[in-house]
Amino acid sequence: MVEAVIASGEIVNELIFPPIFFALIALGAFGALAIVVYSYRDVANRHRHKTMGQSEQAHH
């Protein structure tokens, strides 16, 4: 009986925003990170002269 009284007296802290706002914040953060990753999609080909072998460089 004592445990039931203690369990019912728990303090519940409410969230400062509704849960959907936390989901939207996470979606925005992952979207921003996706844009950053997408911006690096062709970095290796921008400096092709640095990665080419000697035989390929002689032709260009």
N, C-alpha and C. Protein backbone atom coordinates (compact mmCIF):
# COMPACT_ATOMS: atom_id res chain seq x y z
N MET A 1 0.82 -1.19 0.00
CA MET A 1 0.00 0.00 0.00
C MET A 1 0.86 1.26 0.00
N VAL A 2 1.97 1.23 0.70
CA VAL A 2 2.85 2.40 0.76
C VAL A 2 3.47 2.66 -0.61
N GLU A 3 3.85 1.60 -1.34
CA GLU A 3 4.44 1.79 -2.66
C GLU A 3 3.46 2.44 -3.62
N ALA A 4 2.20 2.10 -3.52
CA ALA A 4 1.19 2.68 -4.41
C ALA A 4 1.04 4.18 -4.16
N VAL A 5 1.15 4.58 -2.92
CA VAL A 5 1.04 6.01 -2.60
C VAL A 5 2.26 6.75 -3.12
N ILE A 6 3.42 6.17 -2.97
CA ILE A 6 4.64 6.82 -3.45
C ILE A 6 4.63 6.91 -4.97
N ALA A 7 4.20 5.84 -5.65
CA ALA A 7 4.17 5.83 -7.11
C ALA A 7 3.17 6.85 -7.64
N SER A 8 2.07 7.04 -6.97
CA SER A 8 1.08 7.99 -7.48
C SER A 8 1.49 9.44 -7.20
N GLY A 9 2.46 9.65 -6.34
CA GLY A 9 2.90 11.00 -6.02
C GLY A 9 4.08 11.45 -6.85
N GLU A 10 4.37 10.78 -7.96
CA GLU A 10 5.50 11.17 -8.79
C GLU A 10 5.27 12.54 -9.41
N ILE A 11 6.34 13.27 -9.54
CA ILE A 11 6.28 14.58 -10.18
C ILE A 11 6.57 14.40 -11.67
N VAL A 12 5.68 14.88 -12.51
CA VAL A 12 5.84 14.75 -13.95
C VAL A 12 6.12 16.14 -14.51
N ASN A 13 7.26 16.28 -15.15
CA ASN A 13 7.61 17.56 -15.77
C ASN A 13 7.08 17.58 -17.19
N GLU A 14 6.34 18.60 -17.49
CA GLU A 14 5.80 18.71 -18.83
C GLU A 14 6.84 19.30 -19.77
N LEU A 15 6.72 18.99 -21.05
CA LEU A 15 7.64 19.51 -22.06
C LEU A 15 7.37 20.99 -22.30
N ILE A 16 8.41 21.72 -22.70
CA ILE A 16 8.21 23.15 -22.96
C ILE A 16 7.53 23.40 -24.30
N PHE A 17 7.60 22.42 -25.21
CA PHE A 17 6.91 22.48 -26.51
C PHE A 17 6.11 21.20 -26.68
N PRO A 18 5.12 21.23 -27.52
CA PRO A 18 4.47 19.96 -27.88
C PRO A 18 5.47 19.06 -28.61
N PRO A 19 5.31 17.76 -28.53
CA PRO A 19 6.28 16.84 -29.14
C PRO A 19 6.50 17.05 -30.64
N ILE A 20 5.51 17.53 -31.35
CA ILE A 20 5.67 17.74 -32.80
C ILE A 20 6.76 18.77 -33.10
N PHE A 21 6.92 19.76 -32.21
CA PHE A 21 7.95 20.76 -32.43
C PHE A 21 9.35 20.16 -32.31
N PHE A 22 9.54 19.20 -31.41
CA PHE A 22 10.83 18.53 -31.31
C PHE A 22 11.12 17.74 -32.59
N ALA A 23 10.09 17.14 -33.15
CA ALA A 23 10.26 16.41 -34.41
C ALA A 23 10.62 17.37 -35.54
N LEU A 24 9.98 18.52 -35.58
CA LEU A 24 10.28 19.50 -36.62
C LEU A 24 11.69 20.07 -36.47
N ILE A 25 12.13 20.28 -35.25
CA ILE A 25 13.50 20.77 -35.02
C ILE A 25 14.51 19.73 -35.49
N ALA A 26 14.27 18.46 -35.16
CA ALA A 26 15.17 17.39 -35.61
C ALA A 26 15.17 17.27 -37.13
N LEU A 27 14.00 17.39 -37.73
CA LEU A 27 13.91 17.32 -39.19
C LEU A 27 14.68 18.47 -39.83
N GLY A 28 14.57 19.65 -39.28
CA GLY A 28 15.32 20.80 -39.79
C GLY A 28 16.83 20.62 -39.64
N ALA A 29 17.25 20.08 -38.49
CA ALA A 29 18.69 19.87 -38.27
C ALA A 29 19.23 18.84 -39.25
N PHE A 30 18.52 17.73 -39.43
CA PHE A 30 18.97 16.72 -40.39
C PHE A 30 18.91 17.24 -41.82
N GLY A 31 17.95 18.08 -42.13
CA GLY A 31 17.88 18.69 -43.45
C GLY A 31 19.08 19.59 -43.71
N ALA A 32 19.45 20.38 -42.70
CA ALA A 32 20.63 21.25 -42.85
C ALA A 32 21.90 20.42 -43.04
N LEU A 33 22.03 19.36 -42.28
CA LEU A 33 23.20 18.49 -42.44
C LEU A 33 23.21 17.81 -43.81
N ALA A 34 22.04 17.46 -44.32
CA ALA A 34 21.96 16.85 -45.65
C ALA A 34 22.41 17.84 -46.72
N ILE A 35 22.07 19.11 -46.57
CA ILE A 35 22.51 20.13 -47.52
C ILE A 35 24.02 20.27 -47.49
N VAL A 36 24.61 20.24 -46.31
CA VAL A 36 26.07 20.33 -46.19
C VAL A 36 26.73 19.14 -46.87
N VAL A 37 26.24 17.94 -46.62
CA VAL A 37 26.81 16.75 -47.25
C VAL A 37 26.63 16.81 -48.76
N TYR A 38 25.48 17.24 -49.23
CA TYR A 38 25.21 17.32 -50.67
C TYR A 38 26.13 18.33 -51.35
N SER A 39 26.54 19.37 -50.63
CA SER A 39 27.40 20.38 -51.24
C SER A 39 28.80 19.85 -51.54
N TYR A 40 29.19 18.74 -50.92
CA TYR A 40 30.50 18.15 -51.15
C TYR A 40 30.46 17.02 -52.17
N ARG A 41 29.40 16.89 -52.95
CA ARG A 41 29.22 15.74 -53.82
C ARG A 41 30.24 15.63 -54.94
N ASP A 42 30.85 16.71 -55.39
CA ASP A 42 31.73 16.66 -56.54
C ASP A 42 33.11 17.27 -56.25
N VAL A 43 33.51 17.26 -55.00
CA VAL A 43 34.77 17.90 -54.62
C VAL A 43 35.97 17.18 -55.25
N ALA A 44 35.93 15.87 -55.34
CA ALA A 44 37.06 15.12 -55.88
C ALA A 44 37.31 15.47 -57.34
N ASN A 45 36.29 15.79 -58.11
CA ASN A 45 36.46 16.09 -59.53
C ASN A 45 36.85 17.54 -59.79
N ARG A 46 36.78 18.38 -58.80
CA ARG A 46 37.16 19.79 -59.01
C ARG A 46 38.66 19.95 -59.19
N HIS A 47 39.42 19.05 -58.59
CA HIS A 47 40.87 19.14 -58.64
C HIS A 47 41.43 17.89 -59.33
N ARG A 48 40.95 17.64 -60.52
CA ARG A 48 41.31 16.42 -61.23
C ARG A 48 42.82 16.38 -61.52
N HIS A 49 43.42 17.54 -61.76
CA HIS A 49 44.85 17.54 -62.09
C HIS A 49 45.70 17.05 -60.92
N LYS A 50 45.22 17.13 -59.71
CA LYS A 50 45.98 16.66 -58.55
C LYS A 50 45.88 15.15 -58.39
N THR A 51 44.81 14.55 -58.88
CA THR A 51 44.61 13.12 -58.68
C THR A 51 44.95 12.29 -59.91
N MET A 52 45.21 12.90 -61.03
CA MET A 52 45.53 12.15 -62.25
C MET A 52 46.92 11.54 -62.17
N GLY A 53 47.06 10.42 -62.85
CA GLY A 53 48.38 9.81 -62.97
C GLY A 53 49.21 10.59 -63.97
N GLN A 54 50.50 10.31 -64.04
CA GLN A 54 51.39 11.04 -64.94
C GLN A 54 51.01 10.81 -66.40
N SER A 55 50.60 9.61 -66.77
CA SER A 55 50.27 9.33 -68.17
C SER A 55 49.01 10.10 -68.60
N GLU A 56 48.05 10.25 -67.70
CA GLU A 56 46.83 10.98 -68.03
C GLU A 56 47.11 12.48 -68.11
N GLN A 57 48.04 12.99 -67.30
CA GLN A 57 48.34 14.42 -67.30
C GLN A 57 49.03 14.82 -68.60
N ALA A 58 49.80 13.93 -69.17
CA ALA A 58 50.54 14.27 -70.38
C ALA A 58 49.60 14.50 -71.57
N HIS A 59 48.44 13.91 -71.55
CA HIS A 59 47.50 14.06 -72.65
C HIS A 59 46.69 15.33 -72.58
N HIS A 60 46.65 15.98 -71.46
CA HIS A 60 45.80 17.17 -71.34
C HIS A 60 46.61 18.40 -71.21
